[in-house]
Amino acid sequence: MAADEIDLTARDRSARVVRWIGHVLVLLVAAGCLASFVAGPEETAVRLIAGGAGLLTVLLYAWVLVTRRRLPTRLVVDHEGIRVRDGRGKVVVRLAWTELSGVGVMTNGGSLPAAA
């Protein structure tokens, strides 16, 4: 039986556009904070706070870029069970069907019995 893979990173085009607009705006604010720190006419305390905020934002983005490949990207359902893989193809979580045999599903109308 072939495994069914679900791409957890799939997004439609409008969601990608909105996400990129958000990223650009945040990075522009960070650049403004860093510019205020370097050459702003504000008082020293304001410049330090702005510089710290800008530096924190840039470091956060750098950290996300470094760790992004470890985020789950694929959900694989096959005869063995359910696996979640990261960007490198390494299995992050593996659940065998025997481990899931007692799991029930709750719906708005009540509970569905677990498969026997």
N, C-alpha and C. Protein backbone atom coordinates (compact mmCIF):
# COMPACT_ATOMS: atom_id res chain seq x y z
N MET A 1 0.85 -1.18 0.00
CA MET A 1 0.00 0.00 0.00
C MET A 1 0.90 1.24 0.00
N ALA A 2 0.62 2.18 -0.86
CA ALA A 2 1.41 3.41 -0.95
C ALA A 2 1.04 4.36 0.20
N ALA A 3 2.06 5.08 0.65
CA ALA A 3 1.84 6.02 1.75
C ALA A 3 1.20 7.30 1.22
N ASP A 4 0.30 7.85 2.00
CA ASP A 4 -0.30 9.14 1.67
C ASP A 4 0.44 10.21 2.45
N GLU A 5 0.93 11.23 1.74
CA GLU A 5 1.66 12.31 2.38
C GLU A 5 0.85 13.59 2.29
N ILE A 6 0.80 14.31 3.39
CA ILE A 6 0.12 15.59 3.45
C ILE A 6 1.17 16.65 3.67
N ASP A 7 1.22 17.64 2.79
CA ASP A 7 2.17 18.73 2.90
C ASP A 7 1.65 19.74 3.92
N LEU A 8 2.33 19.85 5.07
CA LEU A 8 1.89 20.74 6.13
C LEU A 8 2.26 22.20 5.87
N THR A 9 3.08 22.44 4.86
CA THR A 9 3.52 23.81 4.55
C THR A 9 2.75 24.42 3.40
N ALA A 10 1.82 23.68 2.80
CA ALA A 10 1.09 24.17 1.63
C ALA A 10 0.19 25.35 2.03
N ARG A 11 0.27 26.42 1.26
CA ARG A 11 -0.56 27.60 1.47
C ARG A 11 -1.05 28.07 0.11
N ASP A 12 -2.21 28.70 0.08
CA ASP A 12 -2.65 29.26 -1.19
C ASP A 12 -1.91 30.59 -1.43
N ARG A 13 -2.04 31.10 -2.62
CA ARG A 13 -1.25 32.27 -3.02
C ARG A 13 -1.56 33.50 -2.19
N SER A 14 -2.83 33.76 -1.87
CA SER A 14 -3.18 34.96 -1.11
C SER A 14 -2.57 34.91 0.30
N ALA A 15 -2.51 33.73 0.90
CA ALA A 15 -1.90 33.62 2.22
C ALA A 15 -0.41 33.90 2.16
N ARG A 16 0.26 33.45 1.09
CA ARG A 16 1.69 33.73 0.94
C ARG A 16 1.93 35.22 0.75
N VAL A 17 1.08 35.89 -0.02
CA VAL A 17 1.24 37.33 -0.26
C VAL A 17 1.06 38.10 1.04
N VAL A 18 0.04 37.76 1.80
CA VAL A 18 -0.19 38.45 3.08
C VAL A 18 0.97 38.20 4.03
N ARG A 19 1.49 36.97 4.05
CA ARG A 19 2.63 36.66 4.92
C ARG A 19 3.85 37.48 4.53
N TRP A 20 4.13 37.58 3.23
CA TRP A 20 5.30 38.35 2.79
C TRP A 20 5.14 39.84 3.09
N ILE A 21 3.94 40.36 2.93
CA ILE A 21 3.70 41.77 3.28
C ILE A 21 3.99 41.99 4.77
N GLY A 22 3.53 41.08 5.61
CA GLY A 22 3.80 41.17 7.04
C GLY A 22 5.28 41.12 7.35
N HIS A 23 6.01 40.21 6.69
CA HIS A 23 7.46 40.12 6.91
C HIS A 23 8.17 41.41 6.51
N VAL A 24 7.80 41.95 5.37
CA VAL A 24 8.44 43.18 4.90
C VAL A 24 8.16 44.33 5.87
N LEU A 25 6.93 44.45 6.34
CA LEU A 25 6.61 45.52 7.29
C LEU A 25 7.38 45.39 8.59
N VAL A 26 7.48 44.17 9.11
CA VAL A 26 8.22 43.97 10.36
C VAL A 26 9.69 44.30 10.16
N LEU A 27 10.27 43.88 9.05
CA LEU A 27 11.69 44.18 8.80
C LEU A 27 11.91 45.67 8.56
N LEU A 28 10.94 46.37 7.96
CA LEU A 28 11.08 47.82 7.81
C LEU A 28 11.04 48.52 9.17
N VAL A 29 10.19 48.07 10.06
CA VAL A 29 10.14 48.64 11.42
C VAL A 29 11.47 48.38 12.13
N ALA A 30 12.00 47.15 11.99
CA ALA A 30 13.29 46.83 12.61
C ALA A 30 14.40 47.71 12.04
N ALA A 31 14.39 47.94 10.72
CA ALA A 31 15.40 48.81 10.11
C ALA A 31 15.26 50.25 10.63
N GLY A 32 14.03 50.70 10.80
CA GLY A 32 13.81 52.04 11.36
C GLY A 32 14.32 52.14 12.79
N CYS A 33 14.09 51.11 13.57
CA CYS A 33 14.60 51.11 14.95
C CYS A 33 16.13 51.16 14.98
N LEU A 34 16.76 50.35 14.13
CA LEU A 34 18.22 50.35 14.09
C LEU A 34 18.76 51.68 13.57
N ALA A 35 18.08 52.28 12.60
CA ALA A 35 18.51 53.60 12.09
C ALA A 35 18.36 54.66 13.17
N SER A 36 17.31 54.59 13.95
CA SER A 36 17.13 55.52 15.06
C SER A 36 18.23 55.36 16.09
N PHE A 37 18.64 54.12 16.33
CA PHE A 37 19.73 53.87 17.28
C PHE A 37 21.03 54.45 16.80
N VAL A 38 21.32 54.31 15.52
CA VAL A 38 22.60 54.75 14.97
C VAL A 38 22.66 56.27 14.80
N ALA A 39 21.61 56.86 14.23
CA ALA A 39 21.71 58.27 13.86
C ALA A 39 20.48 59.08 14.25
N GLY A 40 19.74 58.64 15.24
CA GLY A 40 18.51 59.34 15.59
C GLY A 40 18.76 60.57 16.46
N PRO A 41 17.87 61.55 16.38
CA PRO A 41 18.02 62.76 17.19
C PRO A 41 17.40 62.61 18.60
N GLU A 42 16.86 61.43 18.90
CA GLU A 42 16.19 61.22 20.17
C GLU A 42 17.19 61.15 21.32
N GLU A 43 16.64 61.11 22.52
CA GLU A 43 17.49 60.98 23.70
C GLU A 43 18.14 59.60 23.71
N THR A 44 19.16 59.45 24.52
CA THR A 44 19.93 58.21 24.57
C THR A 44 19.07 57.01 24.98
N ALA A 45 18.20 57.18 25.96
CA ALA A 45 17.36 56.07 26.42
C ALA A 45 16.44 55.58 25.31
N VAL A 46 15.85 56.51 24.57
CA VAL A 46 14.95 56.14 23.47
C VAL A 46 15.73 55.43 22.37
N ARG A 47 16.91 55.91 22.08
CA ARG A 47 17.75 55.29 21.06
C ARG A 47 18.14 53.87 21.46
N LEU A 48 18.46 53.67 22.75
CA LEU A 48 18.84 52.33 23.22
C LEU A 48 17.65 51.37 23.16
N ILE A 49 16.47 51.83 23.54
CA ILE A 49 15.28 50.98 23.47
C ILE A 49 14.96 50.62 22.02
N ALA A 50 15.02 51.61 21.13
CA ALA A 50 14.75 51.35 19.71
C ALA A 50 15.79 50.39 19.13
N GLY A 51 17.04 50.59 19.46
CA GLY A 51 18.10 49.71 18.97
C GLY A 51 17.93 48.29 19.48
N GLY A 52 17.57 48.17 20.76
CA GLY A 52 17.34 46.83 21.33
C GLY A 52 16.18 46.13 20.66
N ALA A 53 15.10 46.87 20.40
CA ALA A 53 13.93 46.28 19.73
C ALA A 53 14.29 45.85 18.31
N GLY A 54 15.02 46.69 17.59
CA GLY A 54 15.42 46.35 16.22
C GLY A 54 16.36 45.16 16.19
N LEU A 55 17.33 45.13 17.11
CA LEU A 55 18.27 44.02 17.17
C LEU A 55 17.56 42.72 17.56
N LEU A 56 16.64 42.79 18.50
CA LEU A 56 15.88 41.61 18.90
C LEU A 56 15.06 41.05 17.72
N THR A 57 14.46 41.93 16.95
CA THR A 57 13.67 41.50 15.79
C THR A 57 14.55 40.82 14.75
N VAL A 58 15.70 41.41 14.46
CA VAL A 58 16.62 40.83 13.47
C VAL A 58 17.14 39.48 13.96
N LEU A 59 17.50 39.38 15.24
CA LEU A 59 17.97 38.11 15.78
C LEU A 59 16.88 37.04 15.76
N LEU A 60 15.64 37.43 16.02
CA LEU A 60 14.52 36.49 15.97
C LEU A 60 14.35 35.94 14.55
N TYR A 61 14.42 36.82 13.56
CA TYR A 61 14.31 36.37 12.17
C TYR A 61 15.47 35.45 11.80
N ALA A 62 16.68 35.77 12.24
CA ALA A 62 17.84 34.92 11.95
C ALA A 62 17.68 33.55 12.61
N TRP A 63 17.17 33.52 13.85
CA TRP A 63 16.97 32.26 14.55
C TRP A 63 15.93 31.40 13.83
N VAL A 64 14.85 32.02 13.36
CA VAL A 64 13.81 31.29 12.63
C VAL A 64 14.39 30.71 11.34
N LEU A 65 15.22 31.46 10.63
CA LEU A 65 15.82 30.94 9.40
C LEU A 65 16.72 29.75 9.67
N VAL A 66 17.43 29.76 10.79
CA VAL A 66 18.33 28.66 11.12
C VAL A 66 17.55 27.41 11.53
N THR A 67 16.49 27.58 12.31
CA THR A 67 15.75 26.43 12.84
C THR A 67 14.57 26.01 11.97
N ARG A 68 14.30 26.69 10.90
CA ARG A 68 13.11 26.41 10.10
C ARG A 68 13.09 25.01 9.51
N ARG A 69 14.23 24.48 9.15
CA ARG A 69 14.27 23.16 8.52
C ARG A 69 13.86 22.05 9.48
N ARG A 70 13.84 22.33 10.78
CA ARG A 70 13.44 21.31 11.75
C ARG A 70 11.94 21.30 12.01
N LEU A 71 11.21 22.23 11.43
CA LEU A 71 9.77 22.27 11.64
C LEU A 71 9.10 21.14 10.85
N PRO A 72 7.99 20.61 11.36
CA PRO A 72 7.30 19.55 10.62
C PRO A 72 6.82 20.04 9.26
N THR A 73 7.06 19.24 8.22
CA THR A 73 6.64 19.63 6.88
C THR A 73 5.74 18.60 6.22
N ARG A 74 5.81 17.35 6.64
CA ARG A 74 5.02 16.29 6.00
C ARG A 74 4.37 15.41 7.06
N LEU A 75 3.12 15.04 6.79
CA LEU A 75 2.39 14.07 7.60
C LEU A 75 2.18 12.85 6.72
N VAL A 76 2.74 11.72 7.12
CA VAL A 76 2.68 10.49 6.33
C VAL A 76 1.75 9.51 7.02
N VAL A 77 0.76 9.01 6.28
CA VAL A 77 -0.17 8.01 6.78
C VAL A 77 -0.02 6.77 5.90
N ASP A 78 0.38 5.65 6.50
CA ASP A 78 0.54 4.42 5.73
C ASP A 78 0.14 3.22 6.58
N HIS A 79 0.48 2.02 6.12
CA HIS A 79 0.07 0.80 6.81
C HIS A 79 0.71 0.64 8.19
N GLU A 80 1.84 1.29 8.45
CA GLU A 80 2.52 1.20 9.74
C GLU A 80 1.88 2.11 10.79
N GLY A 81 1.38 3.27 10.36
CA GLY A 81 0.80 4.23 11.29
C GLY A 81 0.90 5.64 10.75
N ILE A 82 1.15 6.58 11.64
CA ILE A 82 1.25 8.00 11.27
C ILE A 82 2.63 8.49 11.66
N ARG A 83 3.28 9.20 10.73
CA ARG A 83 4.60 9.79 10.99
C ARG A 83 4.57 11.25 10.59
N VAL A 84 5.32 12.07 11.32
CA VAL A 84 5.51 13.47 10.98
C VAL A 84 6.99 13.64 10.67
N ARG A 85 7.28 14.16 9.49
CA ARG A 85 8.67 14.36 9.06
C ARG A 85 9.01 15.84 9.04
N ASP A 86 10.29 16.15 9.28
CA ASP A 86 10.74 17.54 9.21
C ASP A 86 11.24 17.83 7.80
N GLY A 87 11.82 19.02 7.59
CA GLY A 87 12.28 19.44 6.27
C GLY A 87 13.39 18.57 5.71
N ARG A 88 14.15 17.90 6.55
CA ARG A 88 15.24 17.04 6.11
C ARG A 88 14.78 15.61 5.83
N GLY A 89 13.53 15.31 6.13
CA GLY A 89 13.00 13.97 5.95
C GLY A 89 13.13 13.10 7.19
N LYS A 90 13.67 13.65 8.28
CA LYS A 90 13.82 12.91 9.53
C LYS A 90 12.46 12.80 10.23
N VAL A 91 12.16 11.63 10.78
CA VAL A 91 10.90 11.41 11.47
C VAL A 91 10.94 12.11 12.83
N VAL A 92 9.99 13.01 13.04
CA VAL A 92 9.89 13.74 14.31
C VAL A 92 9.02 12.97 15.29
N VAL A 93 7.86 12.48 14.81
CA VAL A 93 6.91 11.74 15.63
C VAL A 93 6.47 10.52 14.84
N ARG A 94 6.38 9.38 15.52
CA ARG A 94 5.90 8.16 14.89
C ARG A 94 4.88 7.51 15.81
N LEU A 95 3.67 7.30 15.31
CA LEU A 95 2.62 6.62 16.06
C LEU A 95 2.15 5.41 15.26
N ALA A 96 2.30 4.23 15.85
CA ALA A 96 1.85 3.01 15.19
C ALA A 96 0.34 2.89 15.37
N TRP A 97 -0.30 2.13 14.46
CA TRP A 97 -1.74 1.95 14.56
C TRP A 97 -2.12 1.25 15.86
N THR A 98 -1.23 0.39 16.38
CA THR A 98 -1.53 -0.28 17.65
C THR A 98 -1.58 0.71 18.81
N GLU A 99 -0.78 1.78 18.73
CA GLU A 99 -0.81 2.81 19.76
C GLU A 99 -2.06 3.67 19.65
N LEU A 100 -2.63 3.76 18.47
CA LEU A 100 -3.81 4.59 18.24
C LEU A 100 -5.11 3.82 18.32
N SER A 101 -5.06 2.53 18.62
CA SER A 101 -6.26 1.70 18.56
C SER A 101 -7.31 2.10 19.58
N GLY A 102 -6.95 2.67 20.71
CA GLY A 102 -7.92 3.04 21.73
C GLY A 102 -8.35 4.49 21.67
N VAL A 103 -7.98 5.20 20.63
CA VAL A 103 -8.30 6.62 20.52
C VAL A 103 -9.69 6.79 19.93
N GLY A 104 -10.51 7.62 20.55
CA GLY A 104 -11.83 7.94 20.02
C GLY A 104 -11.83 9.34 19.45
N VAL A 105 -12.83 9.63 18.65
CA VAL A 105 -12.96 10.95 18.03
C VAL A 105 -14.20 11.62 18.57
N MET A 106 -14.06 12.84 19.07
CA MET A 106 -15.19 13.59 19.62
C MET A 106 -15.72 14.53 18.53
N THR A 107 -17.04 14.52 18.36
CA THR A 107 -17.66 15.43 17.42
C THR A 107 -18.66 16.31 18.18
N ASN A 108 -19.27 17.23 17.49
CA ASN A 108 -20.27 18.09 18.12
C ASN A 108 -21.46 17.29 18.63
N GLY A 109 -21.80 16.21 17.95
CA GLY A 109 -22.96 15.42 18.32
C GLY A 109 -22.68 14.39 19.39
N GLY A 110 -21.42 14.17 19.73
CA GLY A 110 -21.09 13.15 20.73
C GLY A 110 -19.78 12.50 20.41
N SER A 111 -19.65 11.27 20.77
CA SER A 111 -18.40 10.54 20.59
C SER A 111 -18.60 9.39 19.62
N LEU A 112 -17.63 9.18 18.76
CA LEU A 112 -17.64 8.03 17.86
C LEU A 112 -16.84 6.93 18.52
N PRO A 113 -17.26 5.68 18.44
CA PRO A 113 -16.50 4.59 19.08
C PRO A 113 -15.18 4.37 18.35
N ALA A 114 -14.19 3.92 19.10
CA ALA A 114 -12.89 3.59 18.52
C ALA A 114 -13.01 2.33 17.69
N ALA A 115 -12.17 2.22 16.67
CA ALA A 115 -12.18 1.04 15.81
C ALA A 115 -11.70 -0.17 16.61
N ALA A 116 -12.35 -1.27 16.42
CA ALA A 116 -11.98 -2.48 17.18
C ALA A 116 -11.02 -3.34 16.39
